[in-house]
Amino acid sequence: MYAISLQRARSLLTLNLKASRRDATSLQELVLVSVIISIAAALTVPRFSQVVARQRLESSVRRVGCDIQLARQRARTTSVSHRLRFQKNTSRYHIEQKTGKNTWTQVADLNHAASSYTVDLDKPPYQTTVSKTNKAGSLSDTLIVFDGYGEPQEDTWIILQAGAFFKKITLHGDTGIIDVADVPSASQTVGQGLQKQEKENGGVGQLPG
């Protein structure tokens, strides 16, 4: 009888030890999985943020490019000068038409006739900023002007930023061609250094005039 009880006690002790080992193994596995998830998240989140920033920047560039073309087309069809006016120290611009010798009036929004055609690039879905323009340091707004024939009045460029990424949009006054180029920072402006870098990187794209 005592022999049976002792044997049973040993069996129970063995089972308890095995259960404890299983519990310990499960805890170790849980910690390991948690560490792996943390590492994966640390690697994935920055990359995801970069992808989002690039997408926002691309969307902003397309929007500005389309609005430049819209102002050009309206000038041609109405034979009246039109312009994009980028407000100084903001990321907002308007499309305006000339209504007098020195008078410009904002055109109506295409979807809301009671509202003016205004785009805020720093708001969703774009969430980008106008980092720099060729009027940087000037007291006036940056203007992209088309005469009644849809011809641009001068060279104009702006640099858009989303996160750590920058794109430069240049309208050439002599040809009407719009160039889009990646630039490393807003400190890069028109010059031989930037032009050389754009050619080497193949970062220049063109929007048809």
N, C-alpha and C. Protein backbone atom coordinates (compact mmCIF):
# COMPACT_ATOMS: atom_id res chain seq x y z
N MET A 1 0.82 -1.20 0.00
CA MET A 1 0.00 0.00 0.00
C MET A 1 0.85 1.25 0.00
N TYR A 2 1.84 1.26 0.95
CA TYR A 2 2.74 2.42 1.00
C TYR A 2 3.55 2.54 -0.28
N ALA A 3 3.91 1.37 -0.88
CA ALA A 3 4.68 1.38 -2.12
C ALA A 3 3.86 2.00 -3.24
N ILE A 4 2.58 1.69 -3.26
CA ILE A 4 1.71 2.26 -4.30
C ILE A 4 1.57 3.76 -4.12
N SER A 5 1.41 4.20 -2.88
CA SER A 5 1.27 5.63 -2.59
C SER A 5 2.53 6.39 -2.97
N LEU A 6 3.67 5.81 -2.68
CA LEU A 6 4.94 6.46 -3.02
C LEU A 6 5.11 6.56 -4.53
N GLN A 7 4.73 5.50 -5.21
CA GLN A 7 4.83 5.51 -6.68
C GLN A 7 3.90 6.56 -7.28
N ARG A 8 2.71 6.68 -6.68
CA ARG A 8 1.77 7.68 -7.19
C ARG A 8 2.30 9.08 -6.93
N ALA A 9 2.89 9.28 -5.78
CA ALA A 9 3.45 10.60 -5.46
C ALA A 9 4.55 10.97 -6.44
N ARG A 10 5.41 9.99 -6.75
CA ARG A 10 6.47 10.26 -7.72
C ARG A 10 5.90 10.60 -9.09
N SER A 11 4.82 9.91 -9.48
CA SER A 11 4.19 10.18 -10.78
C SER A 11 3.62 11.59 -10.82
N LEU A 12 2.96 11.98 -9.72
CA LEU A 12 2.40 13.33 -9.67
C LEU A 12 3.49 14.39 -9.72
N LEU A 13 4.60 14.16 -9.02
CA LEU A 13 5.72 15.10 -9.02
C LEU A 13 6.31 15.23 -10.42
N THR A 14 6.43 14.09 -11.11
CA THR A 14 6.96 14.12 -12.48
C THR A 14 6.06 14.91 -13.41
N LEU A 15 4.74 14.71 -13.26
CA LEU A 15 3.79 15.45 -14.09
C LEU A 15 3.85 16.95 -13.82
N ASN A 16 4.00 17.32 -12.53
CA ASN A 16 4.09 18.74 -12.17
C ASN A 16 5.34 19.38 -12.75
N LEU A 17 6.45 18.65 -12.74
CA LEU A 17 7.71 19.16 -13.29
C LEU A 17 7.59 19.37 -14.80
N LYS A 18 6.95 18.40 -15.48
CA LYS A 18 6.77 18.53 -16.93
C LYS A 18 5.88 19.71 -17.26
N ALA A 19 4.81 19.89 -16.47
CA ALA A 19 3.91 21.02 -16.71
C ALA A 19 4.62 22.33 -16.50
N SER A 20 5.47 22.41 -15.47
CA SER A 20 6.22 23.63 -15.20
C SER A 20 7.16 23.95 -16.36
N ARG A 21 7.80 22.88 -16.89
CA ARG A 21 8.71 23.10 -18.02
C ARG A 21 7.95 23.59 -19.24
N ARG A 22 6.74 23.03 -19.47
CA ARG A 22 5.94 23.47 -20.60
C ARG A 22 5.54 24.94 -20.44
N ASP A 23 5.17 25.32 -19.21
CA ASP A 23 4.80 26.71 -18.94
C ASP A 23 5.98 27.64 -19.18
N ALA A 24 7.14 27.23 -18.73
CA ALA A 24 8.34 28.05 -18.91
C ALA A 24 8.68 28.20 -20.39
N THR A 25 8.54 27.11 -21.11
CA THR A 25 8.81 27.16 -22.56
C THR A 25 7.83 28.09 -23.25
N SER A 26 6.57 28.04 -22.87
CA SER A 26 5.56 28.91 -23.48
C SER A 26 5.87 30.37 -23.19
N LEU A 27 6.32 30.69 -22.00
CA LEU A 27 6.67 32.06 -21.64
C LEU A 27 7.86 32.54 -22.47
N GLN A 28 8.86 31.68 -22.64
CA GLN A 28 10.02 32.03 -23.45
C GLN A 28 9.62 32.27 -24.91
N GLU A 29 8.73 31.43 -25.41
CA GLU A 29 8.26 31.61 -26.78
C GLU A 29 7.50 32.93 -26.94
N LEU A 30 6.68 33.25 -25.92
CA LEU A 30 5.90 34.49 -25.96
C LEU A 30 6.82 35.71 -25.98
N VAL A 31 7.85 35.68 -25.16
CA VAL A 31 8.81 36.79 -25.12
C VAL A 31 9.53 36.91 -26.46
N LEU A 32 9.92 35.76 -27.03
CA LEU A 32 10.63 35.78 -28.31
C LEU A 32 9.76 36.35 -29.42
N VAL A 33 8.49 35.94 -29.45
CA VAL A 33 7.56 36.45 -30.46
C VAL A 33 7.37 37.96 -30.30
N SER A 34 7.27 38.41 -29.05
CA SER A 34 7.10 39.84 -28.79
C SER A 34 8.29 40.64 -29.28
N VAL A 35 9.49 40.11 -29.06
CA VAL A 35 10.71 40.78 -29.51
C VAL A 35 10.73 40.87 -31.04
N ILE A 36 10.38 39.76 -31.70
CA ILE A 36 10.37 39.73 -33.17
C ILE A 36 9.37 40.75 -33.72
N ILE A 37 8.18 40.81 -33.12
CA ILE A 37 7.16 41.76 -33.57
C ILE A 37 7.65 43.19 -33.39
N SER A 38 8.31 43.47 -32.27
CA SER A 38 8.81 44.82 -32.01
C SER A 38 9.86 45.23 -33.03
N ILE A 39 10.75 44.30 -33.36
CA ILE A 39 11.79 44.59 -34.36
C ILE A 39 11.16 44.82 -35.73
N ALA A 40 10.20 43.97 -36.09
CA ALA A 40 9.53 44.12 -37.39
C ALA A 40 8.81 45.46 -37.47
N ALA A 41 8.15 45.86 -36.38
CA ALA A 41 7.45 47.13 -36.37
C ALA A 41 8.42 48.30 -36.49
N ALA A 42 9.56 48.20 -35.80
CA ALA A 42 10.56 49.27 -35.86
C ALA A 42 11.12 49.44 -37.26
N LEU A 43 11.18 48.35 -38.01
CA LEU A 43 11.70 48.42 -39.38
C LEU A 43 10.62 48.84 -40.38
N THR A 44 9.38 48.47 -40.12
CA THR A 44 8.30 48.70 -41.07
C THR A 44 7.72 50.10 -41.00
N VAL A 45 7.52 50.63 -39.79
CA VAL A 45 6.85 51.93 -39.64
C VAL A 45 7.57 53.05 -40.37
N PRO A 46 8.91 53.20 -40.22
CA PRO A 46 9.58 54.27 -40.98
C PRO A 46 9.43 54.12 -42.49
N ARG A 47 9.52 52.89 -42.98
CA ARG A 47 9.36 52.67 -44.41
C ARG A 47 7.95 53.02 -44.87
N PHE A 48 6.97 52.66 -44.08
CA PHE A 48 5.59 52.99 -44.41
C PHE A 48 5.39 54.50 -44.44
N SER A 49 5.99 55.21 -43.48
CA SER A 49 5.88 56.67 -43.44
C SER A 49 6.52 57.29 -44.67
N GLN A 50 7.63 56.73 -45.11
CA GLN A 50 8.29 57.24 -46.31
C GLN A 50 7.43 57.03 -47.54
N VAL A 51 6.79 55.86 -47.63
CA VAL A 51 5.92 55.58 -48.77
C VAL A 51 4.75 56.57 -48.80
N VAL A 52 4.16 56.81 -47.63
CA VAL A 52 3.03 57.74 -47.55
C VAL A 52 3.47 59.15 -47.96
N ALA A 53 4.65 59.57 -47.47
CA ALA A 53 5.15 60.91 -47.80
C ALA A 53 5.39 61.05 -49.30
N ARG A 54 5.95 60.02 -49.90
CA ARG A 54 6.19 60.06 -51.36
C ARG A 54 4.88 60.14 -52.13
N GLN A 55 3.89 59.38 -51.70
CA GLN A 55 2.60 59.39 -52.38
C GLN A 55 1.93 60.76 -52.27
N ARG A 56 2.01 61.37 -51.09
CA ARG A 56 1.44 62.70 -50.91
C ARG A 56 2.15 63.73 -51.78
N LEU A 57 3.46 63.61 -51.87
CA LEU A 57 4.23 64.54 -52.69
C LEU A 57 3.88 64.38 -54.16
N GLU A 58 3.78 63.14 -54.61
CA GLU A 58 3.42 62.89 -56.01
C GLU A 58 2.02 63.44 -56.31
N SER A 59 1.09 63.26 -55.40
CA SER A 59 -0.27 63.77 -55.60
C SER A 59 -0.28 65.29 -55.67
N SER A 60 0.52 65.93 -54.83
CA SER A 60 0.60 67.39 -54.83
C SER A 60 1.19 67.91 -56.12
N VAL A 61 2.23 67.25 -56.61
CA VAL A 61 2.85 67.66 -57.87
C VAL A 61 1.85 67.54 -59.01
N ARG A 62 1.11 66.43 -59.04
CA ARG A 62 0.11 66.25 -60.09
C ARG A 62 -0.97 67.32 -60.02
N ARG A 63 -1.38 67.65 -58.80
CA ARG A 63 -2.43 68.67 -58.63
C ARG A 63 -1.95 70.03 -59.12
N VAL A 64 -0.76 70.43 -58.72
CA VAL A 64 -0.23 71.72 -59.17
C VAL A 64 -0.06 71.72 -60.69
N GLY A 65 0.48 70.62 -61.24
CA GLY A 65 0.65 70.53 -62.68
C GLY A 65 -0.66 70.65 -63.42
N CYS A 66 -1.71 69.99 -62.93
CA CYS A 66 -3.03 70.06 -63.57
C CYS A 66 -3.60 71.47 -63.49
N ASP A 67 -3.38 72.15 -62.36
CA ASP A 67 -3.92 73.49 -62.22
C ASP A 67 -3.14 74.50 -63.07
N ILE A 68 -1.86 74.28 -63.26
CA ILE A 68 -1.10 75.12 -64.20
C ILE A 68 -1.68 74.97 -65.60
N GLN A 69 -1.95 73.73 -65.99
CA GLN A 69 -2.54 73.47 -67.31
C GLN A 69 -3.95 74.06 -67.41
N LEU A 70 -4.69 74.01 -66.32
CA LEU A 70 -6.04 74.57 -66.32
C LEU A 70 -6.00 76.08 -66.54
N ALA A 71 -5.11 76.76 -65.83
CA ALA A 71 -4.97 78.21 -66.00
C ALA A 71 -4.55 78.55 -67.42
N ARG A 72 -3.62 77.76 -67.98
CA ARG A 72 -3.17 77.98 -69.36
C ARG A 72 -4.34 77.81 -70.35
N GLN A 73 -5.12 76.72 -70.15
CA GLN A 73 -6.23 76.44 -71.06
C GLN A 73 -7.32 77.50 -70.97
N ARG A 74 -7.61 77.96 -69.76
CA ARG A 74 -8.63 79.01 -69.59
C ARG A 74 -8.17 80.30 -70.26
N ALA A 75 -6.88 80.61 -70.17
CA ALA A 75 -6.36 81.82 -70.82
C ALA A 75 -6.54 81.73 -72.34
N ARG A 76 -6.27 80.54 -72.89
CA ARG A 76 -6.39 80.36 -74.34
C ARG A 76 -7.84 80.45 -74.81
N THR A 77 -8.73 79.80 -74.08
CA THR A 77 -10.13 79.73 -74.52
C THR A 77 -10.87 81.04 -74.31
N THR A 78 -10.47 81.82 -73.32
CA THR A 78 -11.17 83.08 -73.03
C THR A 78 -10.41 84.29 -73.58
N SER A 79 -9.17 84.08 -74.02
CA SER A 79 -8.30 85.17 -74.48
C SER A 79 -8.11 86.23 -73.40
N VAL A 80 -8.11 85.76 -72.16
CA VAL A 80 -7.90 86.63 -71.00
C VAL A 80 -6.78 86.04 -70.15
N SER A 81 -5.89 86.90 -69.67
CA SER A 81 -4.78 86.42 -68.84
C SER A 81 -5.29 85.73 -67.58
N HIS A 82 -4.66 84.61 -67.25
CA HIS A 82 -4.94 83.87 -66.02
C HIS A 82 -3.63 83.61 -65.28
N ARG A 83 -3.75 83.35 -64.01
CA ARG A 83 -2.54 83.08 -63.23
C ARG A 83 -2.84 82.20 -62.03
N LEU A 84 -1.79 81.52 -61.56
CA LEU A 84 -1.80 80.87 -60.25
C LEU A 84 -1.07 81.80 -59.31
N ARG A 85 -1.69 82.09 -58.19
CA ARG A 85 -1.04 82.96 -57.20
C ARG A 85 -0.79 82.17 -55.92
N PHE A 86 0.48 81.90 -55.64
CA PHE A 86 0.88 81.22 -54.42
C PHE A 86 1.08 82.27 -53.33
N GLN A 87 0.27 82.20 -52.29
CA GLN A 87 0.36 83.19 -51.23
C GLN A 87 1.69 83.05 -50.47
N LYS A 88 2.30 84.18 -50.20
CA LYS A 88 3.59 84.21 -49.53
C LYS A 88 3.49 83.55 -48.15
N ASN A 89 4.50 82.73 -47.84
CA ASN A 89 4.63 82.06 -46.53
C ASN A 89 3.47 81.12 -46.21
N THR A 90 2.79 80.63 -47.23
CA THR A 90 1.74 79.63 -47.03
C THR A 90 1.91 78.53 -48.07
N SER A 91 1.06 77.52 -47.98
CA SER A 91 1.02 76.46 -48.99
C SER A 91 -0.31 76.50 -49.73
N ARG A 92 -0.83 77.71 -49.87
CA ARG A 92 -2.13 77.93 -50.52
C ARG A 92 -1.94 78.69 -51.83
N TYR A 93 -2.74 78.30 -52.83
CA TYR A 93 -2.73 79.07 -54.08
C TYR A 93 -4.14 79.19 -54.64
N HIS A 94 -4.31 80.18 -55.52
CA HIS A 94 -5.59 80.45 -56.16
C HIS A 94 -5.38 80.52 -57.67
N ILE A 95 -6.45 80.30 -58.43
CA ILE A 95 -6.44 80.59 -59.86
C ILE A 95 -7.25 81.87 -60.05
N GLU A 96 -6.66 82.84 -60.75
CA GLU A 96 -7.28 84.14 -60.92
C GLU A 96 -7.27 84.54 -62.41
N GLN A 97 -8.20 85.40 -62.78
CA GLN A 97 -8.22 85.94 -64.13
C GLN A 97 -8.15 87.47 -64.07
N LYS A 98 -7.59 88.03 -65.11
CA LYS A 98 -7.43 89.48 -65.16
C LYS A 98 -8.74 90.13 -65.54
N THR A 99 -9.19 91.08 -64.72
CA THR A 99 -10.47 91.76 -64.97
C THR A 99 -10.29 93.26 -65.20
N GLY A 100 -9.07 93.73 -65.12
CA GLY A 100 -8.79 95.15 -65.33
C GLY A 100 -7.30 95.34 -65.52
N LYS A 101 -6.89 96.58 -65.70
CA LYS A 101 -5.49 96.86 -65.97
C LYS A 101 -4.59 96.29 -64.88
N ASN A 102 -4.94 96.49 -63.65
CA ASN A 102 -4.18 95.97 -62.52
C ASN A 102 -5.07 95.20 -61.55
N THR A 103 -6.12 94.63 -62.08
CA THR A 103 -7.10 93.95 -61.23
C THR A 103 -7.22 92.49 -61.62
N TRP A 104 -7.19 91.62 -60.60
CA TRP A 104 -7.35 90.18 -60.81
C TRP A 104 -8.44 89.68 -59.89
N THR A 105 -9.25 88.75 -60.40
CA THR A 105 -10.36 88.19 -59.63
C THR A 105 -10.23 86.67 -59.60
N GLN A 106 -10.46 86.08 -58.44
CA GLN A 106 -10.38 84.63 -58.31
C GLN A 106 -11.51 83.98 -59.11
N VAL A 107 -11.16 82.93 -59.85
CA VAL A 107 -12.17 82.21 -60.63
C VAL A 107 -12.94 81.28 -59.70
N ALA A 108 -14.10 80.85 -60.15
CA ALA A 108 -14.95 79.98 -59.33
C ALA A 108 -14.41 78.55 -59.32
N ASP A 109 -14.65 77.89 -58.21
CA ASP A 109 -14.29 76.48 -58.09
C ASP A 109 -15.11 75.67 -59.09
N LEU A 110 -14.49 74.66 -59.68
CA LEU A 110 -15.16 73.87 -60.71
C LEU A 110 -16.35 73.09 -60.17
N ASN A 111 -16.29 72.72 -58.89
CA ASN A 111 -17.37 71.92 -58.30
C ASN A 111 -18.31 72.74 -57.42
N HIS A 112 -17.88 73.93 -56.99
CA HIS A 112 -18.70 74.77 -56.13
C HIS A 112 -18.62 76.20 -56.65
N ALA A 113 -19.57 76.56 -57.48
CA ALA A 113 -19.52 77.86 -58.15
C ALA A 113 -19.51 79.03 -57.19
N ALA A 114 -20.05 78.83 -55.98
CA ALA A 114 -20.11 79.92 -55.01
C ALA A 114 -18.77 80.13 -54.31
N SER A 115 -17.83 79.21 -54.50
CA SER A 115 -16.53 79.30 -53.85
C SER A 115 -15.45 79.62 -54.87
N SER A 116 -14.37 80.22 -54.40
CA SER A 116 -13.25 80.52 -55.29
C SER A 116 -12.37 79.29 -55.46
N TYR A 117 -11.60 79.29 -56.54
CA TYR A 117 -10.70 78.16 -56.81
C TYR A 117 -9.46 78.30 -55.94
N THR A 118 -9.47 77.62 -54.81
CA THR A 118 -8.39 77.70 -53.84
C THR A 118 -7.94 76.30 -53.46
N VAL A 119 -6.63 76.10 -53.40
CA VAL A 119 -6.07 74.80 -53.02
C VAL A 119 -5.14 75.00 -51.83
N ASP A 120 -5.38 74.25 -50.78
CA ASP A 120 -4.50 74.25 -49.60
C ASP A 120 -3.70 72.96 -49.61
N LEU A 121 -2.45 73.06 -50.02
CA LEU A 121 -1.63 71.85 -50.13
C LEU A 121 -1.27 71.26 -48.77
N ASP A 122 -1.33 72.05 -47.71
CA ASP A 122 -0.95 71.53 -46.40
C ASP A 122 -2.09 70.81 -45.70
N LYS A 123 -3.24 70.71 -46.37
CA LYS A 123 -4.38 70.00 -45.80
C LYS A 123 -4.60 68.68 -46.54
N PRO A 124 -5.32 67.72 -45.90
CA PRO A 124 -5.61 66.45 -46.58
C PRO A 124 -6.31 66.70 -47.90
N PRO A 125 -6.10 65.89 -48.92
CA PRO A 125 -5.28 64.66 -48.88
C PRO A 125 -3.80 64.88 -49.20
N TYR A 126 -3.38 66.13 -49.40
CA TYR A 126 -2.01 66.38 -49.87
C TYR A 126 -1.01 66.45 -48.71
N GLN A 127 -1.28 67.30 -47.73
CA GLN A 127 -0.42 67.43 -46.55
C GLN A 127 1.05 67.63 -46.93
N THR A 128 1.27 68.55 -47.87
CA THR A 128 2.62 68.94 -48.25
C THR A 128 2.76 70.44 -48.05
N THR A 129 3.97 70.93 -48.15
CA THR A 129 4.21 72.35 -47.98
C THR A 129 4.97 72.91 -49.17
N VAL A 130 4.71 74.19 -49.46
CA VAL A 130 5.52 74.90 -50.44
C VAL A 130 6.77 75.35 -49.70
N SER A 131 7.86 74.63 -49.94
CA SER A 131 9.08 74.84 -49.17
C SER A 131 9.84 76.08 -49.64
N LYS A 132 9.83 76.32 -50.95
CA LYS A 132 10.59 77.45 -51.49
C LYS A 132 10.11 77.77 -52.89
N THR A 133 10.23 79.03 -53.30
CA THR A 133 9.88 79.44 -54.66
C THR A 133 10.96 80.38 -55.18
N ASN A 134 10.85 80.73 -56.45
CA ASN A 134 11.83 81.67 -57.00
C ASN A 134 11.60 83.09 -56.49
N LYS A 135 10.53 83.28 -55.70
CA LYS A 135 10.27 84.58 -55.08
C LYS A 135 10.66 84.57 -53.60
N ALA A 136 11.43 83.56 -53.19
CA ALA A 136 11.84 83.47 -51.77
C ALA A 136 12.58 84.73 -51.38
N GLY A 137 12.19 85.29 -50.24
CA GLY A 137 12.80 86.52 -49.77
C GLY A 137 12.11 87.77 -50.28
N SER A 138 11.19 87.58 -51.23
CA SER A 138 10.45 88.71 -51.77
C SER A 138 9.23 89.01 -50.90
N LEU A 139 8.75 90.23 -50.98
CA LEU A 139 7.56 90.62 -50.23
C LEU A 139 6.28 90.27 -50.98
N SER A 140 6.41 89.83 -52.22
CA SER A 140 5.24 89.56 -53.06
C SER A 140 4.96 88.06 -53.14
N ASP A 141 3.75 87.73 -53.61
CA ASP A 141 3.38 86.34 -53.82
C ASP A 141 4.09 85.80 -55.06
N THR A 142 4.14 84.47 -55.17
CA THR A 142 4.71 83.84 -56.36
C THR A 142 3.61 83.67 -57.39
N LEU A 143 3.86 84.14 -58.61
CA LEU A 143 2.84 84.14 -59.65
C LEU A 143 3.28 83.31 -60.84
N ILE A 144 2.35 82.50 -61.37
CA ILE A 144 2.53 81.81 -62.64
C ILE A 144 1.49 82.40 -63.58
N VAL A 145 1.92 83.25 -64.50
CA VAL A 145 1.01 84.06 -65.31
C VAL A 145 1.03 83.61 -66.76
N PHE A 146 -0.17 83.49 -67.33
CA PHE A 146 -0.34 83.19 -68.76
C PHE A 146 -1.09 84.35 -69.41
N ASP A 147 -0.61 84.78 -70.58
CA ASP A 147 -1.30 85.84 -71.29
C ASP A 147 -2.52 85.28 -72.02
N GLY A 148 -3.21 86.13 -72.81
CA GLY A 148 -4.43 85.71 -73.48
C GLY A 148 -4.23 84.63 -74.53
N TYR A 149 -2.97 84.35 -74.87
CA TYR A 149 -2.66 83.27 -75.81
C TYR A 149 -2.23 81.99 -75.07
N GLY A 150 -2.23 82.03 -73.75
CA GLY A 150 -1.80 80.87 -72.97
C GLY A 150 -0.30 80.73 -72.87
N GLU A 151 0.43 81.82 -73.14
CA GLU A 151 1.88 81.78 -73.07
C GLU A 151 2.35 82.28 -71.70
N PRO A 152 3.29 81.57 -71.06
CA PRO A 152 3.79 82.02 -69.75
C PRO A 152 4.61 83.30 -69.88
N GLN A 153 4.58 84.11 -68.83
CA GLN A 153 5.25 85.40 -68.86
C GLN A 153 6.72 85.32 -68.47
N GLU A 154 7.09 84.33 -67.65
CA GLU A 154 8.48 84.23 -67.18
C GLU A 154 8.73 82.85 -66.60
N ASP A 155 10.01 82.55 -66.36
CA ASP A 155 10.37 81.30 -65.68
C ASP A 155 9.90 81.37 -64.23
N THR A 156 9.30 80.30 -63.77
CA THR A 156 8.84 80.22 -62.38
C THR A 156 9.09 78.82 -61.86
N TRP A 157 9.51 78.71 -60.61
CA TRP A 157 9.67 77.39 -60.01
C TRP A 157 9.26 77.42 -58.55
N ILE A 158 8.78 76.27 -58.10
CA ILE A 158 8.44 76.08 -56.69
C ILE A 158 8.95 74.72 -56.25
N ILE A 159 9.25 74.59 -54.97
CA ILE A 159 9.69 73.32 -54.40
C ILE A 159 8.66 72.87 -53.36
N LEU A 160 8.13 71.67 -53.55
CA LEU A 160 7.17 71.08 -52.62
C LEU A 160 7.88 70.08 -51.73
N GLN A 161 7.41 69.98 -50.50
CA GLN A 161 8.03 69.07 -49.53
C GLN A 161 6.97 68.24 -48.82
N ALA A 162 7.28 66.94 -48.66
CA ALA A 162 6.47 66.04 -47.84
C ALA A 162 7.44 65.17 -47.07
N GLY A 163 7.46 65.30 -45.76
CA GLY A 163 8.44 64.56 -44.97
C GLY A 163 9.85 65.00 -45.33
N ALA A 164 10.68 64.01 -45.68
CA ALA A 164 12.07 64.30 -46.04
C ALA A 164 12.28 64.38 -47.55
N PHE A 165 11.19 64.45 -48.30
CA PHE A 165 11.29 64.41 -49.76
C PHE A 165 10.87 65.75 -50.36
N PHE A 166 11.56 66.11 -51.46
CA PHE A 166 11.33 67.39 -52.12
C PHE A 166 11.20 67.16 -53.62
N LYS A 167 10.31 67.92 -54.25
CA LYS A 167 10.21 67.94 -55.70
C LYS A 167 10.11 69.39 -56.17
N LYS A 168 10.78 69.65 -57.27
CA LYS A 168 10.80 71.00 -57.83
C LYS A 168 10.02 71.02 -59.14
N ILE A 169 9.08 71.96 -59.23
CA ILE A 169 8.28 72.15 -60.44
C ILE A 169 8.75 73.44 -61.10
N THR A 170 9.19 73.35 -62.35
CA THR A 170 9.68 74.51 -63.07
C THR A 170 8.86 74.73 -64.33
N LEU A 171 8.35 75.94 -64.50
CA LEU A 171 7.67 76.34 -65.73
C LEU A 171 8.63 77.23 -66.51
N HIS A 172 9.03 76.80 -67.70
CA HIS A 172 9.96 77.56 -68.53
C HIS A 172 9.19 78.59 -69.35
N GLY A 173 9.53 79.85 -69.15
CA GLY A 173 8.80 80.92 -69.82
C GLY A 173 8.98 80.95 -71.32
N ASP A 174 10.12 80.45 -71.81
CA ASP A 174 10.37 80.53 -73.25
C ASP A 174 9.69 79.41 -74.03
N THR A 175 9.51 78.25 -73.41
CA THR A 175 8.94 77.10 -74.11
C THR A 175 7.57 76.69 -73.58
N GLY A 176 7.24 77.06 -72.34
CA GLY A 176 5.99 76.64 -71.73
C GLY A 176 6.04 75.23 -71.18
N ILE A 177 7.23 74.60 -71.23
CA ILE A 177 7.37 73.24 -70.72
C ILE A 177 7.46 73.26 -69.20
N ILE A 178 6.83 72.26 -68.59
CA ILE A 178 6.87 72.11 -67.14
C ILE A 178 7.77 70.93 -66.79
N ASP A 179 8.83 71.19 -66.06
CA ASP A 179 9.74 70.13 -65.60
C ASP A 179 9.45 69.80 -64.14
N VAL A 180 9.54 68.51 -63.81
CA VAL A 180 9.41 68.05 -62.43
C VAL A 180 10.66 67.26 -62.08
N ALA A 181 11.33 67.65 -61.00
CA ALA A 181 12.60 67.02 -60.64
C ALA A 181 12.68 66.77 -59.14
N ASP A 182 13.28 65.63 -58.77
CA ASP A 182 13.60 65.37 -57.37
C ASP A 182 14.80 66.23 -56.97
N VAL A 183 14.73 66.83 -55.81
CA VAL A 183 15.86 67.59 -55.28
C VAL A 183 16.12 67.14 -53.85
N PRO A 184 17.38 67.18 -53.40
CA PRO A 184 17.69 66.68 -52.07
C PRO A 184 17.18 67.56 -50.94
N SER A 185 17.00 68.85 -51.19
CA SER A 185 16.50 69.75 -50.15
C SER A 185 16.04 71.05 -50.78
N ALA A 186 15.36 71.87 -49.98
CA ALA A 186 14.86 73.14 -50.49
C ALA A 186 15.98 74.13 -50.75
N SER A 187 17.18 73.87 -50.25
CA SER A 187 18.30 74.78 -50.46
C SER A 187 18.80 74.72 -51.89
N GLN A 188 18.41 73.65 -52.63
CA GLN A 188 18.79 73.54 -54.03
C GLN A 188 17.90 74.45 -54.87
N THR A 189 18.50 75.34 -55.65
CA THR A 189 17.75 76.25 -56.49
C THR A 189 18.23 76.13 -57.91
N VAL A 190 17.76 77.02 -58.76
CA VAL A 190 18.18 76.99 -60.15
C VAL A 190 19.67 77.25 -60.24
N GLY A 191 20.37 76.41 -60.99
CA GLY A 191 21.80 76.58 -61.14
C GLY A 191 22.41 75.38 -61.80
N GLN A 192 23.67 75.49 -62.15
CA GLN A 192 24.33 74.41 -62.87
C GLN A 192 24.44 73.16 -62.01
N GLY A 193 24.64 73.34 -60.71
CA GLY A 193 24.77 72.17 -59.85
C GLY A 193 23.52 71.33 -59.85
N LEU A 194 22.34 71.97 -59.74
CA LEU A 194 21.08 71.23 -59.73
C LEU A 194 20.80 70.63 -61.09
N GLN A 195 21.03 71.39 -62.16
CA GLN A 195 20.77 70.86 -63.49
C GLN A 195 21.64 69.65 -63.77
N LYS A 196 22.89 69.70 -63.35
CA LYS A 196 23.78 68.56 -63.54
C LYS A 196 23.29 67.35 -62.78
N GLN A 197 22.85 67.60 -61.53
CA GLN A 197 22.38 66.49 -60.70
C GLN A 197 21.13 65.87 -61.28
N GLU A 198 20.21 66.70 -61.80
CA GLU A 198 18.98 66.19 -62.38
C GLU A 198 19.28 65.29 -63.57
N LYS A 199 20.24 65.68 -64.40
CA LYS A 199 20.59 64.88 -65.57
C LYS A 199 21.21 63.56 -65.15
N GLU A 200 22.07 63.60 -64.12
CA GLU A 200 22.72 62.38 -63.68
C GLU A 200 21.73 61.42 -63.05
N ASN A 201 20.76 61.96 -62.28
CA ASN A 201 19.81 61.10 -61.59
C ASN A 201 18.64 60.69 -62.46
N GLY A 202 18.49 61.37 -63.59
CA GLY A 202 17.34 61.07 -64.43
C GLY A 202 16.04 61.42 -63.73
N GLY A 203 16.08 62.44 -62.83
CA GLY A 203 14.93 62.77 -62.02
C GLY A 203 14.01 63.78 -62.65
N VAL A 204 14.21 64.13 -63.90
CA VAL A 204 13.40 65.16 -64.54
C VAL A 204 12.28 64.53 -65.34
N GLY A 205 11.07 64.98 -65.11
CA GLY A 205 9.94 64.55 -65.91
C GLY A 205 9.30 65.78 -66.51
N GLN A 206 8.58 65.63 -67.59
CA GLN A 206 7.97 66.78 -68.24
C GLN A 206 6.48 66.60 -68.36
N LEU A 207 5.78 67.71 -68.14
CA LEU A 207 4.35 67.75 -68.40
C LEU A 207 4.16 68.52 -69.70
N PRO A 208 3.37 68.03 -70.62
CA PRO A 208 3.24 68.69 -71.92
C PRO A 208 2.64 70.07 -71.79
N GLY A 209 3.07 70.94 -72.68
CA GLY A 209 2.55 72.31 -72.67
C GLY A 209 1.22 72.40 -73.38
